[in-house]
PDB file of N, CA and C in Angstrom:
ATOM      1  N   MET A   1      99.967  98.336 107.689  1.00  0.00           N
ATOM      2  CA  MET A   1      98.606  99.270 107.300  1.00  0.00           C
ATOM      3  C   MET A   1      99.156 100.320 106.542  1.00  0.00           C
ATOM      4  N   ILE A   2      98.518 100.534 105.529  1.00  0.00           N
ATOM      5  CA  ILE A   2      98.774 101.703 104.704  1.00  0.00           C
ATOM      6  C   ILE A   2      97.466 102.653 104.381  1.00  0.00           C
ATOM      7  N   ASP A   3      97.778 103.781 104.692  1.00  0.00           N
ATOM      8  CA  ASP A   3      96.561 104.833 104.655  1.00  0.00           C
ATOM      9  C   ASP A   3      96.288 105.177 103.012  1.00  0.00           C
ATOM     10  N   LEU A   4      95.302 105.070 102.608  1.00  0.00           N
ATOM     11  CA  LEU A   4      95.226 105.361 101.105  1.00  0.00           C
ATOM     12  C   LEU A   4      94.423 106.692 100.951  1.00  0.00           C
ATOM     13  N   HIS A   5      94.614 107.245  99.978  1.00  0.00           N
ATOM     14  CA  HIS A   5      93.813 108.717  99.567  1.00  0.00           C
ATOM     15  C   HIS A   5      93.446 108.725  98.229  1.00  0.00           C
ATOM     16  N   ASP A   6      92.396 109.508  97.905  1.00  0.00           N
ATOM     17  CA  ASP A   6      91.827 109.849  96.666  1.00  0.00           C
ATOM     18  C   ASP A   6      92.868 110.844  95.784  1.00  0.00           C
ATOM     19  N   SER A   7      92.443 111.163  94.524  1.00  0.00           N
ATOM     20  CA  SER A   7      93.311 112.187  93.933  1.00  0.00           C
ATOM     21  C   SER A   7      93.276 113.610  94.459  1.00  0.00           C
ATOM     22  N   HIS A   8      92.319 113.787  95.336  1.00  0.00           N
ATOM     23  CA  HIS A   8      92.092 115.300  96.024  1.00  0.00           C
ATOM     24  C   HIS A   8      92.835 115.145  97.326  1.00  0.00           C
ATOM     25  N   GLY A   9      93.462 114.167  97.659  1.00  0.00           N
ATOM     26  CA  GLY A   9      94.288 113.951  98.937  1.00  0.00           C
ATOM     27  C   GLY A   9      93.487 113.521 100.301  1.00  0.00           C
ATOM     28  N   LYS A  10      92.259 113.307 100.075  1.00  0.00           N
ATOM     29  CA  LYS A  10      91.331 112.785 101.287  1.00  0.00           C
ATOM     30  C   LYS A  10      91.525 111.407 101.422  1.00  0.00           C
ATOM     31  N   HIS A  11      91.673 111.004 102.683  1.00  0.00           N
ATOM     32  CA  HIS A  11      91.806 109.730 103.297  1.00  0.00           C
ATOM     33  C   HIS A  11      90.675 108.952 103.099  1.00  0.00           C
ATOM     34  N   ILE A  12      90.674 107.872 102.163  1.00  0.00           N
ATOM     35  CA  ILE A  12      89.480 107.095 101.915  1.00  0.00           C
ATOM     36  C   ILE A  12      89.400 105.757 102.261  1.00  0.00           C
ATOM     37  N   ALA A  13      90.622 105.001 102.657  1.00  0.00           N
ATOM     38  CA  ALA A  13      90.597 103.652 102.903  1.00  0.00           C
ATOM     39  C   ALA A  13      91.935 103.287 103.618  1.00  0.00           C
ATOM     40  N   ASN A  14      91.930 102.041 104.230  1.00  0.00           N
ATOM     41  CA  ASN A  14      93.090 101.502 104.844  1.00  0.00           C
ATOM     42  C   ASN A  14      93.296 100.104 104.166  1.00  0.00           C
ATOM     43  N   PHE A  15      94.753  99.819 103.871  1.00  0.00           N
ATOM     44  CA  PHE A  15      94.990  98.729 103.487  1.00  0.00           C
ATOM     45  C   PHE A  15      95.764  97.847 104.606  1.00  0.00           C
ATOM     46  N   VAL A  16      94.926  96.799 105.174  1.00  0.00           N
ATOM     47  CA  VAL A  16      95.443  96.079 106.321  1.00  0.00           C
ATOM     48  C   VAL A  16      95.471  94.466 106.019  1.00  0.00           C
ATOM     49  N   ASN A  17      96.452  93.918 106.180  1.00  0.00           N
ATOM     50  CA  ASN A  17      96.604  92.446 106.199  1.00  0.00           C
ATOM     51  C   ASN A  17      95.983  91.940 104.950  1.00  0.00           C
ATOM     52  N   GLY A  18      96.270  92.517 103.732  1.00  0.00           N
ATOM     53  CA  GLY A  18      95.779  91.949 102.579  1.00  0.00           C
ATOM     54  C   GLY A  18      94.226  92.333 102.345  1.00  0.00           C
ATOM     55  N   GLN A  19      93.771  93.149 103.127  1.00  0.00           N
ATOM     56  CA  GLN A  19      92.235  93.537 103.110  1.00  0.00           C
ATOM     57  C   GLN A  19      92.152  95.096 102.878  1.00  0.00           C
ATOM     58  N   LEU A  20      91.063  95.546 102.236  1.00  0.00           N
ATOM     59  CA  LEU A  20      90.848  96.983 102.292  1.00  0.00           C
ATOM     60  C   LEU A  20      89.645  97.341 102.997  1.00  0.00           C
ATOM     61  N   HIS A  21      89.847  98.166 103.774  1.00  0.00           N
ATOM     62  CA  HIS A  21      88.806  98.820 104.849  1.00  0.00           C
ATOM     63  C   HIS A  21      88.615 100.222 104.643  1.00  0.00           C
ATOM     64  N   ASP A  22      87.113 100.628 104.841  1.00  0.00           N
ATOM     65  CA  ASP A  22      86.978 102.014 104.609  1.00  0.00           C
ATOM     66  C   ASP A  22      87.528 102.906 105.884  1.00  0.00           C
ATOM     67  N   THR A  23      87.299 104.128 106.067  1.00  0.00           N
ATOM     68  CA  THR A  23      87.851 104.659 107.148  1.00  0.00           C
ATOM     69  C   THR A  23      87.109 104.375 108.490  1.00  0.00           C
ATOM     70  N   HIS A  24      86.116 103.788 108.505  1.00  0.00           N
ATOM     71  CA  HIS A  24      85.487 103.362 109.700  1.00  0.00           C
ATOM     72  C   HIS A  24      85.686 102.010 110.196  1.00  0.00           C
ATOM     73  N   GLY A  25      86.549 101.289 109.255  1.00  0.00           N
ATOM     74  CA  GLY A  25      87.051  99.864 109.495  1.00  0.00           C
ATOM     75  C   GLY A  25      86.348  98.858 108.923  1.00  0.00           C
ATOM     76  N   ARG A  26      85.330  98.982 108.306  1.00  0.00           N
ATOM     77  CA  ARG A  26      84.391  98.180 107.543  1.00  0.00           C
ATOM     78  C   ARG A  26      85.412  97.469 106.273  1.00  0.00           C
ATOM     79  N   ASN A  27      85.259  96.033 106.118  1.00  0.00           N
ATOM     80  CA  ASN A  27      85.938  95.431 105.017  1.00  0.00           C
ATOM     81  C   ASN A  27      85.152  95.795 103.735  1.00  0.00           C
ATOM     82  N   ILE A  28      85.995  96.462 102.790  1.00  0.00           N
ATOM     83  CA  ILE A  28      85.094  96.747 101.499  1.00  0.00           C
ATOM     84  C   ILE A  28      85.786  96.123 100.415  1.00  0.00           C
ATOM     85  N   GLY A  29      87.102  95.347 100.624  1.00  0.00           N
ATOM     86  CA  GLY A  29      87.644  94.796  99.397  1.00  0.00           C
ATOM     87  C   GLY A  29      88.848  93.952  99.874  1.00  0.00           C
ATOM     88  N   HIS A  30      89.338  93.146  98.743  1.00  0.00           N
ATOM     89  CA  HIS A  30      90.580  92.376  98.880  1.00  0.00           C
ATOM     90  C   HIS A  30      91.538  92.634  98.033  1.00  0.00           C
ATOM     91  N   PHE A  31      92.812  92.439  98.453  1.00  0.00           N
ATOM     92  CA  PHE A  31      94.069  92.614  97.366  1.00  0.00           C
ATOM     93  C   PHE A  31      94.323  91.384  96.739  1.00  0.00           C
ATOM     94  N   LEU A  32      94.420  91.531  95.467  1.00  0.00           N
ATOM     95  CA  LEU A  32      95.023  90.202  94.647  1.00  0.00           C
ATOM     96  C   LEU A  32      96.458  90.431  94.315  1.00  0.00           C
ATOM     97  N   GLU A  33      97.246  89.955  94.975  1.00  0.00           N
ATOM     98  CA  GLU A  33      98.816  90.143  94.954  1.00  0.00           C
ATOM     99  C   GLU A  33      99.339  89.850  93.471  1.00  0.00           C
ATOM    100  N   ARG A  34      98.782  88.817  92.789  1.00  0.00           N
ATOM    101  CA  ARG A  34      99.458  88.636  91.565  1.00  0.00           C
ATOM    102  C   ARG A  34      99.042  89.637  90.593  1.00  0.00           C
ATOM    103  N   GLU A  35      97.820  90.195  90.700  1.00  0.00           N
ATOM    104  CA  GLU A  35      97.338  91.195  89.751  1.00  0.00           C
ATOM    105  C   GLU A  35      97.735  92.559  90.203  1.00  0.00           C
ATOM    106  N   GLY A  36      98.049  92.894  91.537  1.00  0.00           N
ATOM    107  CA  GLY A  36      98.328  93.965  92.065  1.00  0.00           C
ATOM    108  C   GLY A  36      97.000  94.920  92.051  1.00  0.00           C
ATOM    109  N   ILE A  37      95.952  94.356  92.408  1.00  0.00           N
ATOM    110  CA  ILE A  37      94.581  95.223  92.241  1.00  0.00           C
ATOM    111  C   ILE A  37      93.976  94.962  93.401  1.00  0.00           C
ATOM    112  N   PHE A  38      92.956  95.837  93.835  1.00  0.00           N
ATOM    113  CA  PHE A  38      91.919  95.406  94.848  1.00  0.00           C
ATOM    114  C   PHE A  38      90.509  95.073  94.085  1.00  0.00           C
ATOM    115  N   ILE A  39      89.839  94.218  94.581  1.00  0.00           N
ATOM    116  CA  ILE A  39      88.471  93.796  94.117  1.00  0.00           C
ATOM    117  C   ILE A  39      87.582  94.123  95.204  1.00  0.00           C
ATOM    118  N   ASP A  40      86.283  94.535  94.805  1.00  0.00           N
ATOM    119  CA  ASP A  40      85.316  94.820  95.802  1.00  0.00           C
ATOM    120  C   ASP A  40      84.904  93.537  96.376  1.00  0.00           C
ATOM    121  N   MET A  41      83.674  93.728  97.371  1.00  0.00           N
ATOM    122  CA  MET A  41      83.189  92.613  97.958  1.00  0.00           C
ATOM    123  C   MET A  41      82.254  91.465  97.212  1.00  0.00           C
ATOM    124  N   ASN A  42      81.976  92.016  95.792  1.00  0.00           N
ATOM    125  CA  ASN A  42      81.379  91.137  94.853  1.00  0.00           C
ATOM    126  C   ASN A  42      82.386  90.499  94.010  1.00  0.00           C
ATOM    127  N   GLY A  43      83.707  90.792  94.101  1.00  0.00           N
ATOM    128  CA  GLY A  43      84.765  90.089  93.182  1.00  0.00           C
ATOM    129  C   GLY A  43      84.865  90.866  91.797  1.00  0.00           C
ATOM    130  N   ARG A  44      84.623  92.232  91.814  1.00  0.00           N
ATOM    131  CA  ARG A  44      84.963  92.826  90.731  1.00  0.00           C
ATOM    132  C   ARG A  44      86.080  94.130  90.980  1.00  0.00           C
ATOM    133  N   TYR A  45      86.831  94.360  89.690  1.00  0.00           N
ATOM    134  CA  TYR A  45      87.948  95.373  90.136  1.00  0.00           C
ATOM    135  C   TYR A  45      87.476  96.749  90.707  1.00  0.00           C
ATOM    136  N   LEU A  46      88.169  97.037  91.710  1.00  0.00           N
ATOM    137  CA  LEU A  46      87.911  98.265  92.578  1.00  0.00           C
ATOM    138  C   LEU A  46      89.025  99.433  92.264  1.00  0.00           C
ATOM    139  N   GLY A  47      90.074  98.941  92.225  1.00  0.00           N
ATOM    140  CA  GLY A  47      91.153  99.889  91.932  1.00  0.00           C
ATOM    141  C   GLY A  47      92.783  99.487  92.262  1.00  0.00           C
ATOM    142  N   GLU A  48      93.589 100.346  92.392  1.00  0.00           N
ATOM    143  CA  GLU A  48      94.887  99.818  92.744  1.00  0.00           C
ATOM    144  C   GLU A  48      95.651 100.999  93.342  1.00  0.00           C
ATOM    145  N   ILE A  49      96.839 100.788  93.939  1.00  0.00           N
ATOM    146  CA  ILE A  49      97.438 101.682  94.528  1.00  0.00           C
ATOM    147  C   ILE A  49      98.508 102.397  93.628  1.00  0.00           C
ATOM    148  N   VAL A  50      98.445 103.664  93.651  1.00  0.00           N
ATOM    149  CA  VAL A  50      99.259 104.596  92.606  1.00  0.00           C
ATOM    150  C   VAL A  50     100.065 105.428  93.605  1.00  0.00           C
ATOM    151  N   ASP A  51     101.502 105.432  93.199  1.00  0.00           N
ATOM    152  CA  ASP A  51     102.513 106.274  94.115  1.00  0.00           C
ATOM    153  C   ASP A  51     102.233 106.083  95.530  1.00  0.00           C
ATOM    154  N   LYS A  52     102.170 104.906  95.917  1.00  0.00           N
ATOM    155  CA  LYS A  52     102.313 104.426  97.493  1.00  0.00           C
ATOM    156  C   LYS A  52     101.185 104.679  98.381  1.00  0.00           C
ATOM    157  N   LYS A  53     100.401 105.872  98.058  1.00  0.00           N
ATOM    158  CA  LYS A  53      99.454 106.330  98.830  1.00  0.00           C
ATOM    159  C   LYS A  53      98.081 106.642  98.449  1.00  0.00           C
ATOM    160  N   ARG A  54      97.913 106.432  97.024  1.00  0.00           N
ATOM    161  CA  ARG A  54      96.735 106.760  96.260  1.00  0.00           C
ATOM    162  C   ARG A  54      95.794 105.372  95.810  1.00  0.00           C
ATOM    163  N   LEU A  55      94.558 105.528  96.152  1.00  0.00           N
ATOM    164  CA  LEU A  55      93.578 104.342  95.602  1.00  0.00           C
ATOM    165  C   LEU A  55      92.953 104.805  94.764  1.00  0.00           C
ATOM    166  N   LEU A  56      93.435 104.416  93.285  1.00  0.00           N
ATOM    167  CA  LEU A  56      92.675 105.020  92.185  1.00  0.00           C
ATOM    168  C   LEU A  56      92.154 103.750  91.261  1.00  0.00           C
ATOM    169  N   TYR A  57      91.390 104.335  90.527  1.00  0.00           N
ATOM    170  CA  TYR A  57      90.572 103.312  89.533  1.00  0.00           C
ATOM    171  C   TYR A  57      91.377 103.477  88.096  1.00  0.00           C
ATOM    172  N   ARG A  58      91.889 102.476  87.429  1.00  0.00           N
ATOM    173  CA  ARG A  58      92.709 102.592  86.190  1.00  0.00           C
ATOM    174  C   ARG A  58      91.488 102.555  85.115  1.00  0.00           C
ATOM    175  N   ASN A  59      91.240 103.772  84.335  1.00  0.00           N
ATOM    176  CA  ASN A  59      90.179 103.532  83.484  1.00  0.00           C
ATOM    177  C   ASN A  59      90.254 102.366  82.436  1.00  0.00           C
ATOM    178  N   ASN A  60      91.543 101.934  81.850  1.00  0.00           N
ATOM    179  CA  ASN A  60      91.634 100.922  80.862  1.00  0.00           C
ATOM    180  C   ASN A  60      92.044  99.761  81.526  1.00  0.00           C
ATOM    181  N   SER A  61      91.906  99.504  82.650  1.00  0.00           N
ATOM    182  CA  SER A  61      92.185  98.179  83.515  1.00  0.00           C
ATOM    183  C   SER A  61      91.836  97.174  82.648  1.00  0.00           C
ATOM    184  N   PRO A  62      92.693  96.097  82.380  1.00  0.00           N
ATOM    185  CA  PRO A  62      92.366  94.825  81.784  1.00  0.00           C
ATOM    186  C   PRO A  62      91.384  94.150  82.678  1.00  0.00           C
ATOM    187  N   TYR A  63      91.287  94.330  83.812  1.00  0.00           N
ATOM    188  CA  TYR A  63      90.457  93.586  84.876  1.00  0.00           C
ATOM    189  C   TYR A  63      89.196  94.174  85.087  1.00  0.00           C
ATOM    190  N   LYS A  64      88.636  95.357  84.288  1.00  0.00           N
ATOM    191  CA  LYS A  64      87.488  95.955  84.426  1.00  0.00           C
ATOM    192  C   LYS A  64      86.316  95.137  84.472  1.00  0.00           C
ATOM    193  N   PHE A  65      86.279  93.951  83.588  1.00  0.00           N
ATOM    194  CA  PHE A  65      85.190  93.019  83.302  1.00  0.00           C
ATOM    195  C   PHE A  65      85.193  91.653  83.798  1.00  0.00           C
ATOM    196  N   VAL A  66      86.417  91.598  84.644  1.00  0.00           N
ATOM    197  CA  VAL A  66      86.673  90.125  85.044  1.00  0.00           C
ATOM    198  C   VAL A  66      85.850  89.919  86.593  1.00  0.00           C
ATOM    199  N   SER A  67      85.407  88.740  86.664  1.00  0.00           N
ATOM    200  CA  SER A  67      84.808  88.325  87.936  1.00  0.00           C
ATOM    201  C   SER A  67      85.662  87.466  88.727  1.00  0.00           C
ATOM    202  N   PHE A  68      86.291  88.008  89.844  1.00  0.00           N
ATOM    203  CA  PHE A  68      87.189  87.179  90.683  1.00  0.00           C
ATOM    204  C   PHE A  68      86.449  86.259  91.636  1.00  0.00           C
ATOM    205  N   GLY A  69      85.343  86.248  91.765  1.00  0.00           N
ATOM    206  CA  GLY A  69      84.568  85.511  92.813  1.00  0.00           C
ATOM    207  C   GLY A  69      84.651  86.216  94.109  1.00  0.00           C
ATOM    208  N   ILE A  70      83.805  85.655  95.031  1.00  0.00           N
ATOM    209  CA  ILE A  70      83.643  86.348  96.291  1.00  0.00           C
ATOM    210  C   ILE A  70      84.555  85.834  97.345  1.00  0.00           C
ATOM    211  N   TYR A  71      85.289  86.776  98.070  1.00  0.00           N
ATOM    212  CA  TYR A  71      86.220  86.165  99.024  1.00  0.00           C
ATOM    213  C   TYR A  71      85.837  86.365 100.496  1.00  0.00           C
ATOM    214  N   GLY A  72      84.702  86.593 100.657  1.00  0.00           N
ATOM    215  CA  GLY A  72      84.108  86.713 102.084  1.00  0.00           C
ATOM    216  C   GLY A  72      84.410  88.016 102.757  1.00  0.00           C
ATOM    217  N   ASN A  73      83.846  88.247 103.997  1.00  0.00           N
ATOM    218  CA  ASN A  73      83.976  89.467 104.663  1.00  0.00           C
ATOM    219  C   ASN A  73      84.859  89.261 105.933  1.00  0.00           C
ATOM    220  N   TYR A  74      86.017  89.873 105.907  1.00  0.00           N
ATOM    221  CA  TYR A  74      87.037  89.674 107.096  1.00  0.00           C
ATOM    222  C   TYR A  74      86.674  90.656 108.172  1.00  0.00           C
ATOM    223  N   GLY A  75      85.484  91.132 108.308  1.00  0.00           N
ATOM    224  CA  GLY A  75      85.078  91.876 109.497  1.00  0.00           C
ATOM    225  C   GLY A  75      85.637  93.358 109.549  1.00  0.00           C
ATOM    226  N   ASN A  76      85.561  93.936 110.721  1.00  0.00           N
ATOM    227  CA  ASN A  76      85.798  95.370 111.014  1.00  0.00           C
ATOM    228  C   ASN A  76      87.098  95.484 111.708  1.00  0.00           C
ATOM    229  N   VAL A  77      88.106  96.269 111.163  1.00  0.00           N
ATOM    230  CA  VAL A  77      89.518  96.527 111.972  1.00  0.00           C
ATOM    231  C   VAL A  77      89.422  97.597 112.813  1.00  0.00           C
ATOM    232  N   GLY A  78      88.089  98.395 113.004  1.00  0.00           N
ATOM    233  CA  GLY A  78      88.227  99.580 113.723  1.00  0.00           C
ATOM    234  C   GLY A  78      88.582 100.884 112.917  1.00  0.00           C
ATOM    235  N   ASN A  79      88.668 101.851 113.575  1.00  0.00           N
ATOM    236  CA  ASN A  79      89.062 103.178 113.287  1.00  0.00           C
ATOM    237  C   ASN A  79      90.549 103.482 113.476  1.00  0.00           C
ATOM    238  N   TYR A  80      91.340 103.505 112.297  1.00  0.00           N
ATOM    239  CA  TYR A  80      92.687 104.061 112.502  1.00  0.00           C
ATOM    240  C   TYR A  80      92.920 105.571 112.615  1.00  0.00           C
ATOM    241  N   GLY A  81      91.686 106.281 112.558  1.00  0.00           N
ATOM    242  CA  GLY A  81      92.038 107.743 112.567  1.00  0.00           C
ATOM    243  C   GLY A  81      92.006 108.242 111.364  1.00  0.00           C
ATOM    244  N   ASN A  82      91.976 109.618 111.190  1.00  0.00           N
ATOM    245  CA  ASN A  82      91.968 110.443 110.080  1.00  0.00           C
ATOM    246  C   ASN A  82      93.533 111.143 109.816  1.00  0.00           C
ATOM    247  N   TYR A  83      94.015 110.645 108.723  1.00  0.00           N
ATOM    248  CA  TYR A  83      95.372 110.940 108.376  1.00  0.00           C
ATOM    249  C   TYR A  83      95.499 112.324 107.656  1.00  0.00           C
ATOM    250  N   GLY A  84      94.469 112.870 107.378  1.00  0.00           N
ATOM    251  CA  GLY A  84      94.405 114.268 106.841  1.00  0.00           C
ATOM    252  C   GLY A  84      94.521 114.295 105.379  1.00  0.00           C
ATOM    253  N   ASN A  85      94.881 115.524 104.761  1.00  0.00           N
ATOM    254  CA  ASN A  85      94.817 115.639 103.503  1.00  0.00           C
ATOM    255  C   ASN A  85      96.147 115.574 102.945  1.00  0.00           C
ATOM    256  N   ILE A  86      96.581 114.753 102.053  1.00  0.00           N
ATOM    257  CA  ILE A  86      98.139 114.819 101.562  1.00  0.00           C
ATOM    258  C   ILE A  86      98.274 115.513 100.311  1.00  0.00           C
ATOM    259  N   GLY A  87      97.310 116.338  99.807  1.00  0.00           N
ATOM    260  CA  GLY A  87      97.461 117.137  98.698  1.00  0.00           C
ATOM    261  C   GLY A  87      96.898 116.569  97.570  1.00  0.00           C
ATOM    262  N   SER A  88      96.475 117.377  96.587  1.00  0.00           N
ATOM    263  CA  SER A  88      95.884 117.040  95.204  1.00  0.00           C
ATOM    264  C   SER A  88      96.876 116.495  94.089  1.00  0.00           C
ATOM    265  N   CYS A  89      96.543 115.615  93.332  1.00  0.00           N
ATOM    266  CA  CYS A  89      97.294 115.155  92.174  1.00  0.00           C
ATOM    267  C   CYS A  89      96.629 114.999  91.051  1.00  0.00           C
ATOM    268  N   CYS A  90      96.997 114.606  89.978  1.00  0.00           N
ATOM    269  CA  CYS A  90      96.513 114.345  88.611  1.00  0.00           C
ATOM    270  C   CYS A  90      97.272 113.272  88.137  1.00  0.00           C
ATOM    271  N   TYR A  91      96.405 112.186  87.724  1.00  0.00           N
ATOM    272  CA  TYR A  91      97.056 111.032  86.908  1.00  0.00           C
ATOM    273  C   TYR A  91      96.339 110.717  85.730  1.00  0.00           C
ATOM    274  N   GLY A  92      96.965 110.913  84.625  1.00  0.00           N
ATOM    275  CA  GLY A  92      96.308 110.592  83.421  1.00  0.00           C
ATOM    276  C   GLY A  92      95.651 108.982  83.434  1.00  0.00           C
ATOM    277  N   GLY A  93      94.534 108.970  82.930  1.00  0.00           N
ATOM    278  CA  GLY A  93      93.994 107.600  82.755  1.00  0.00           C
ATOM    279  C   GLY A  93      93.497 106.946  84.203  1.00  0.00           C
ATOM    280  N   PHE A  94      93.428 107.748  85.305  1.00  0.00           N
ATOM    281  CA  PHE A  94      92.883 107.171  86.562  1.00  0.00           C
ATOM    282  C   PHE A  94      91.672 108.125  86.834  1.00  0.00           C
ATOM    283  N   SER A  95      90.833 107.613  87.757  1.00  0.00           N
ATOM    284  CA  SER A  95      89.608 108.209  88.313  1.00  0.00           C
ATOM    285  C   SER A  95      89.626 107.848  89.771  1.00  0.00           C
ATOM    286  N   ASP A  96      89.017 108.521  90.632  1.00  0.00           N
ATOM    287  CA  ASP A  96      88.760 108.225  92.012  1.00  0.00           C
ATOM    288  C   ASP A  96      87.923 107.064  92.228  1.00  0.00           C
ATOM    289  N   VAL A  97      88.220 106.241  93.125  1.00  0.00           N
ATOM    290  CA  VAL A  97      87.468 105.112  93.500  1.00  0.00           C
ATOM    291  C   VAL A  97      86.248 105.409  94.333  1.00  0.00           C
ATOM    292  N   THR A  98      85.175 105.005  94.080  1.00  0.00           N
ATOM    293  CA  THR A  98      83.797 105.328  94.811  1.00  0.00           C
ATOM    294  C   THR A  98      83.835 104.201  95.968  1.00  0.00           C
ATOM    295  N   ILE A  99      83.903 104.568  97.039  1.00  0.00           N
ATOM    296  CA  ILE A  99      83.612 103.931  98.204  1.00  0.00           C
ATOM    297  C   ILE A  99      82.357 103.853  98.806  1.00  0.00           C
ATOM    298  N   LYS A 100      81.610 102.741  98.520  1.00  0.00           N
ATOM    299  CA  LYS A 100      79.968 102.869  98.989  1.00  0.00           C
ATOM    300  C   LYS A 100      79.980 102.494 100.542  1.00  0.00           C
TER     301      LYS A 100
END
């Protein structure tokens, strides 16, 4: 399990067994290992891990307009707790991921 944070350091998601889950445990995406990216539940580019702890959206990603198909819902993994704020950062060419 990897706790993932936005550019402001806020805990926004958990990466568990190839799946992306929001802080409440709801499955919100899937990891595509070959591409090194996360896709949302509709098969669209969601973001990627930056510096081992950040989930960020690459503004010029070549996958922005690719449909990867729907992988299904892997359910709720439960609440892993709040990992707190790990501090702000700034990465050129990246934006924060919007978790719905």
